[in-house]
Amino acid sequence: MLGGSNPVSGANPTGTGSSLNFIGKHCYAYSGMFDATQSEVTMLSFTTANAYAVAKLTVSGAIDSATTGNGLSTVFVVKINSQEVMRIKVDTDQEDSPTLEVVPILLEPFSKIEVTNISNGDVSSRKTSASIVGRVYA
């Protein structure tokens, strides 16, 4: 198994959290919504076990569902075993960056996976999110 000890589902199969959850041969993690902030925030953090997963990481920039305009840039950092392996920048204003990115990722066995983010402004009404969805291979 990659993360939690329950091979059918994780501790929060219908909710959000920083851990990796399982349904049969599939895994997922949903960070939930985080306020846009100029401080680095950990959105997902878990350690895999004796299997690997081929997955997609989806990150969403700081958006406010009630208003448009006045967006923010957000950078997501992915670390495997404390080593930075990618940075993903999204922008929800008029910069030439997408507001959402989907990136393939291999979740290696016995590895600590961490996804953090930081925005260029502190706006509590603007929310960011991250998720990982994939298939587990033993």
C-alpha atoms as a PDB file:
ATOM      1  CA  MET A   1       0.000   0.000   0.000  1.00  0.00           C
ATOM      2  CA  LEU A   2       1.080   3.534  -0.650  1.00  0.00           C
ATOM      3  CA  GLY A   3      -0.119   5.512   2.340  1.00  0.00           C
ATOM      4  CA  GLY A   4      -2.744   4.692   4.958  1.00  0.00           C
ATOM      5  CA  SER A   5      -2.997   1.224   6.449  1.00  0.00           C
ATOM      6  CA  ASN A   6      -6.546   0.514   5.238  1.00  0.00           C
ATOM      7  CA  PRO A   7      -6.385  -1.034   1.728  1.00  0.00           C
ATOM      8  CA  VAL A   8      -9.997  -0.124   0.936  1.00  0.00           C
ATOM      9  CA  SER A   9     -10.107   3.494   2.076  1.00  0.00           C
ATOM     10  CA  GLY A  10      -8.184   6.048   4.077  1.00  0.00           C
ATOM     11  CA  ALA A  11      -9.072   7.872   7.271  1.00  0.00           C
ATOM     12  CA  ASN A  12     -11.197  10.434   5.429  1.00  0.00           C
ATOM     13  CA  PRO A  13     -12.657   8.710   2.354  1.00  0.00           C
ATOM     14  CA  THR A  14     -15.323  11.331   1.748  1.00  0.00           C
ATOM     15  CA  GLY A  15     -13.483  14.440   2.895  1.00  0.00           C
ATOM     16  CA  THR A  16     -10.321  16.412   2.597  1.00  0.00           C
ATOM     17  CA  GLY A  17      -6.967  16.255   4.326  1.00  0.00           C
ATOM     18  CA  SER A  18      -3.285  15.979   3.664  1.00  0.00           C
ATOM     19  CA  SER A  19      -3.099  12.159   3.504  1.00  0.00           C
ATOM     20  CA  LEU A  20      -3.376   9.675   0.640  1.00  0.00           C
ATOM     21  CA  ASN A  21      -6.571   7.572   0.569  1.00  0.00           C
ATOM     22  CA  PHE A  22      -7.426   4.319  -1.218  1.00  0.00           C
ATOM     23  CA  ILE A  23     -10.360   2.726  -2.985  1.00  0.00           C
ATOM     24  CA  GLY A  24      -9.319  -0.654  -4.336  1.00  0.00           C
ATOM     25  CA  LYS A  25      -6.432  -0.070  -6.765  1.00  0.00           C
ATOM     26  CA  HIS A  26      -6.958   3.686  -6.871  1.00  0.00           C
ATOM     27  CA  CYS A  27      -5.612   6.444  -4.660  1.00  0.00           C
ATOM     28  CA  TYR A  28      -6.531  10.046  -4.058  1.00  0.00           C
ATOM     29  CA  ALA A  29      -5.789  13.054  -1.890  1.00  0.00           C
ATOM     30  CA  TYR A  30      -7.804  16.269  -1.740  1.00  0.00           C
ATOM     31  CA  SER A  31      -6.267  19.182   0.115  1.00  0.00           C
ATOM     32  CA  GLY A  32      -9.458  21.128   0.628  1.00  0.00           C
ATOM     33  CA  MET A  33      -9.524  24.881   0.134  1.00  0.00           C
ATOM     34  CA  PHE A  34      -6.712  27.097   1.451  1.00  0.00           C
ATOM     35  CA  ASP A  35      -6.687  30.893   1.788  1.00  0.00           C
ATOM     36  CA  ALA A  36      -4.298  32.716  -0.542  1.00  0.00           C
ATOM     37  CA  THR A  37      -1.341  33.746   1.603  1.00  0.00           C
ATOM     38  CA  GLN A  38       2.204  35.026   1.208  1.00  0.00           C
ATOM     39  CA  SER A  39       3.384  32.350   3.660  1.00  0.00           C
ATOM     40  CA  GLU A  40       4.209  28.854   2.401  1.00  0.00           C
ATOM     41  CA  VAL A  41       1.412  26.411   3.304  1.00  0.00           C
ATOM     42  CA  THR A  42       1.576  22.599   3.221  1.00  0.00           C
ATOM     43  CA  MET A  43      -1.446  21.286   1.334  1.00  0.00           C
ATOM     44  CA  LEU A  44      -0.619  17.590   0.976  1.00  0.00           C
ATOM     45  CA  SER A  45       1.927  15.534   2.922  1.00  0.00           C
ATOM     46  CA  PHE A  46       2.137  11.755   3.114  1.00  0.00           C
ATOM     47  CA  THR A  47       4.594   8.859   2.962  1.00  0.00           C
ATOM     48  CA  THR A  48       4.074   6.022   0.512  1.00  0.00           C
ATOM     49  CA  ALA A  49       4.700   2.376   1.443  1.00  0.00           C
ATOM     50  CA  ASN A  50       5.532  -0.689  -0.664  1.00  0.00           C
ATOM     51  CA  ALA A  51       3.686   0.160  -3.898  1.00  0.00           C
ATOM     52  CA  TYR A  52       3.790   2.912  -6.482  1.00  0.00           C
ATOM     53  CA  ALA A  53       1.085   4.924  -8.196  1.00  0.00           C
ATOM     54  CA  VAL A  54       0.777   6.624 -11.555  1.00  0.00           C
ATOM     55  CA  ALA A  55      -1.253   9.736 -10.845  1.00  0.00           C
ATOM     56  CA  LYS A  56      -2.245  13.236 -11.865  1.00  0.00           C
ATOM     57  CA  LEU A  57      -1.609  16.223  -9.631  1.00  0.00           C
ATOM     58  CA  THR A  58      -4.142  19.028 -10.121  1.00  0.00           C
ATOM     59  CA  VAL A  59      -3.466  22.471  -8.651  1.00  0.00           C
ATOM     60  CA  SER A  60      -5.856  25.419  -8.732  1.00  0.00           C
ATOM     61  CA  GLY A  61      -4.866  29.057  -8.288  1.00  0.00           C
ATOM     62  CA  ALA A  62      -6.300  31.575  -5.847  1.00  0.00           C
ATOM     63  CA  ILE A  63      -9.860  32.130  -7.022  1.00  0.00           C
ATOM     64  CA  ASP A  64     -12.928  33.735  -5.493  1.00  0.00           C
ATOM     65  CA  SER A  65     -16.223  32.286  -6.679  1.00  0.00           C
ATOM     66  CA  ALA A  66     -18.073  35.505  -5.858  1.00  0.00           C
ATOM     67  CA  THR A  67     -15.959  37.966  -7.890  1.00  0.00           C
ATOM     68  CA  THR A  68     -13.758  38.093 -10.945  1.00  0.00           C
ATOM     69  CA  GLY A  69     -10.618  40.107 -11.571  1.00  0.00           C
ATOM     70  CA  ASN A  70      -7.945  41.051  -9.052  1.00  0.00           C
ATOM     71  CA  GLY A  71      -6.461  37.561  -9.205  1.00  0.00           C
ATOM     72  CA  LEU A  72      -3.213  36.348  -7.717  1.00  0.00           C
ATOM     73  CA  SER A  73      -0.206  34.329  -8.789  1.00  0.00           C
ATOM     74  CA  THR A  74       0.294  31.083  -6.885  1.00  0.00           C
ATOM     75  CA  VAL A  75       3.327  28.788  -6.978  1.00  0.00           C
ATOM     76  CA  PHE A  76       2.953  25.145  -5.983  1.00  0.00           C
ATOM     77  CA  VAL A  77       6.094  23.248  -4.952  1.00  0.00           C
ATOM     78  CA  VAL A  78       6.271  19.446  -5.092  1.00  0.00           C
ATOM     79  CA  LYS A  79       8.914  17.687  -2.990  1.00  0.00           C
ATOM     80  CA  ILE A  80       9.796  14.009  -2.924  1.00  0.00           C
ATOM     81  CA  ASN A  81      11.944  12.969   0.047  1.00  0.00           C
ATOM     82  CA  SER A  82      12.520  16.666   0.872  1.00  0.00           C
ATOM     83  CA  GLN A  83      13.947  17.317  -2.609  1.00  0.00           C
ATOM     84  CA  GLU A  84      12.121  19.825  -4.772  1.00  0.00           C
ATOM     85  CA  VAL A  85      11.130  18.103  -8.026  1.00  0.00           C
ATOM     86  CA  MET A  86       8.826  20.685  -9.586  1.00  0.00           C
ATOM     87  CA  ARG A  87       7.365  24.154  -9.299  1.00  0.00           C
ATOM     88  CA  ILE A  88       4.042  24.924 -10.911  1.00  0.00           C
ATOM     89  CA  LYS A  89       2.892  28.525 -11.381  1.00  0.00           C
ATOM     90  CA  VAL A  90      -0.717  29.457 -11.974  1.00  0.00           C
ATOM     91  CA  ASP A  91      -2.279  32.897 -12.189  1.00  0.00           C
ATOM     92  CA  THR A  92      -5.873  34.007 -11.755  1.00  0.00           C
ATOM     93  CA  ASP A  93      -5.446  37.536 -13.109  1.00  0.00           C
ATOM     94  CA  GLN A  94      -4.269  38.865 -16.474  1.00  0.00           C
ATOM     95  CA  GLU A  95      -0.860  37.209 -16.631  1.00  0.00           C
ATOM     96  CA  ASP A  96      -0.202  34.639 -19.347  1.00  0.00           C
ATOM     97  CA  SER A  97      -0.409  31.618 -17.049  1.00  0.00           C
ATOM     98  CA  PRO A  98      -3.276  29.150 -16.673  1.00  0.00           C
ATOM     99  CA  THR A  99      -5.480  29.228 -13.563  1.00  0.00           C
ATOM    100  CA  LEU A 100      -5.326  25.432 -13.219  1.00  0.00           C
ATOM    101  CA  GLU A 101      -2.650  22.865 -14.055  1.00  0.00           C
ATOM    102  CA  VAL A 102      -2.801  19.070 -14.316  1.00  0.00           C
ATOM    103  CA  VAL A 103       0.617  17.396 -14.110  1.00  0.00           C
ATOM    104  CA  PRO A 104       1.465  13.674 -14.322  1.00  0.00           C
ATOM    105  CA  ILE A 105       3.361  12.378 -11.293  1.00  0.00           C
ATOM    106  CA  LEU A 106       4.793   9.025 -10.252  1.00  0.00           C
ATOM    107  CA  LEU A 107       4.396   8.359  -6.539  1.00  0.00           C
ATOM    108  CA  GLU A 108       7.406   6.207  -5.703  1.00  0.00           C
ATOM    109  CA  PRO A 109       7.409   3.466  -3.035  1.00  0.00           C
ATOM    110  CA  PHE A 110       8.725   4.436   0.418  1.00  0.00           C
ATOM    111  CA  SER A 111       8.801   8.173  -0.366  1.00  0.00           C
ATOM    112  CA  LYS A 112       7.575  11.280   1.428  1.00  0.00           C
ATOM    113  CA  ILE A 113       5.437  13.400  -0.899  1.00  0.00           C
ATOM    114  CA  GLU A 114       4.713  17.039  -0.052  1.00  0.00           C
ATOM    115  CA  VAL A 115       2.826  19.750  -1.962  1.00  0.00           C
ATOM    116  CA  THR A 116       3.013  23.341  -0.708  1.00  0.00           C
ATOM    117  CA  ASN A 117       1.878  26.670  -2.096  1.00  0.00           C
ATOM    118  CA  ILE A 118       2.512  30.379  -1.728  1.00  0.00           C
ATOM    119  CA  SER A 119       0.653  33.293  -3.351  1.00  0.00           C
ATOM    120  CA  ASN A 120       1.711  36.867  -4.055  1.00  0.00           C
ATOM    121  CA  GLY A 121      -1.003  38.269  -1.796  1.00  0.00           C
ATOM    122  CA  ASP A 122      -2.965  37.595   1.397  1.00  0.00           C
ATOM    123  CA  VAL A 123      -6.649  37.387   0.443  1.00  0.00           C
ATOM    124  CA  SER A 124      -8.783  35.074   2.582  1.00  0.00           C
ATOM    125  CA  SER A 125     -11.675  35.123   0.095  1.00  0.00           C
ATOM    126  CA  ARG A 126      -9.430  33.647  -2.626  1.00  0.00           C
ATOM    127  CA  LYS A 127      -8.912  29.895  -2.284  1.00  0.00           C
ATOM    128  CA  THR A 128      -6.322  27.467  -3.656  1.00  0.00           C
ATOM    129  CA  SER A 129      -6.485  23.674  -3.817  1.00  0.00           C
ATOM    130  CA  ALA A 130      -4.464  20.610  -4.778  1.00  0.00           C
ATOM    131  CA  SER A 131      -5.435  17.016  -5.478  1.00  0.00           C
ATOM    132  CA  ILE A 132      -3.799  13.778  -6.554  1.00  0.00           C
ATOM    133  CA  VAL A 133      -5.755  10.976  -8.231  1.00  0.00           C
ATOM    134  CA  GLY A 134      -4.146   7.819  -9.560  1.00  0.00           C
ATOM    135  CA  ARG A 135      -3.873   4.061  -9.866  1.00  0.00           C
ATOM    136  CA  VAL A 136      -1.841   1.931  -7.454  1.00  0.00           C
ATOM    137  CA  TYR A 137       0.465  -0.840  -8.675  1.00  0.00           C
ATOM    138  CA  ALA A 138       1.833  -3.444  -6.245  1.00  0.00           C
END
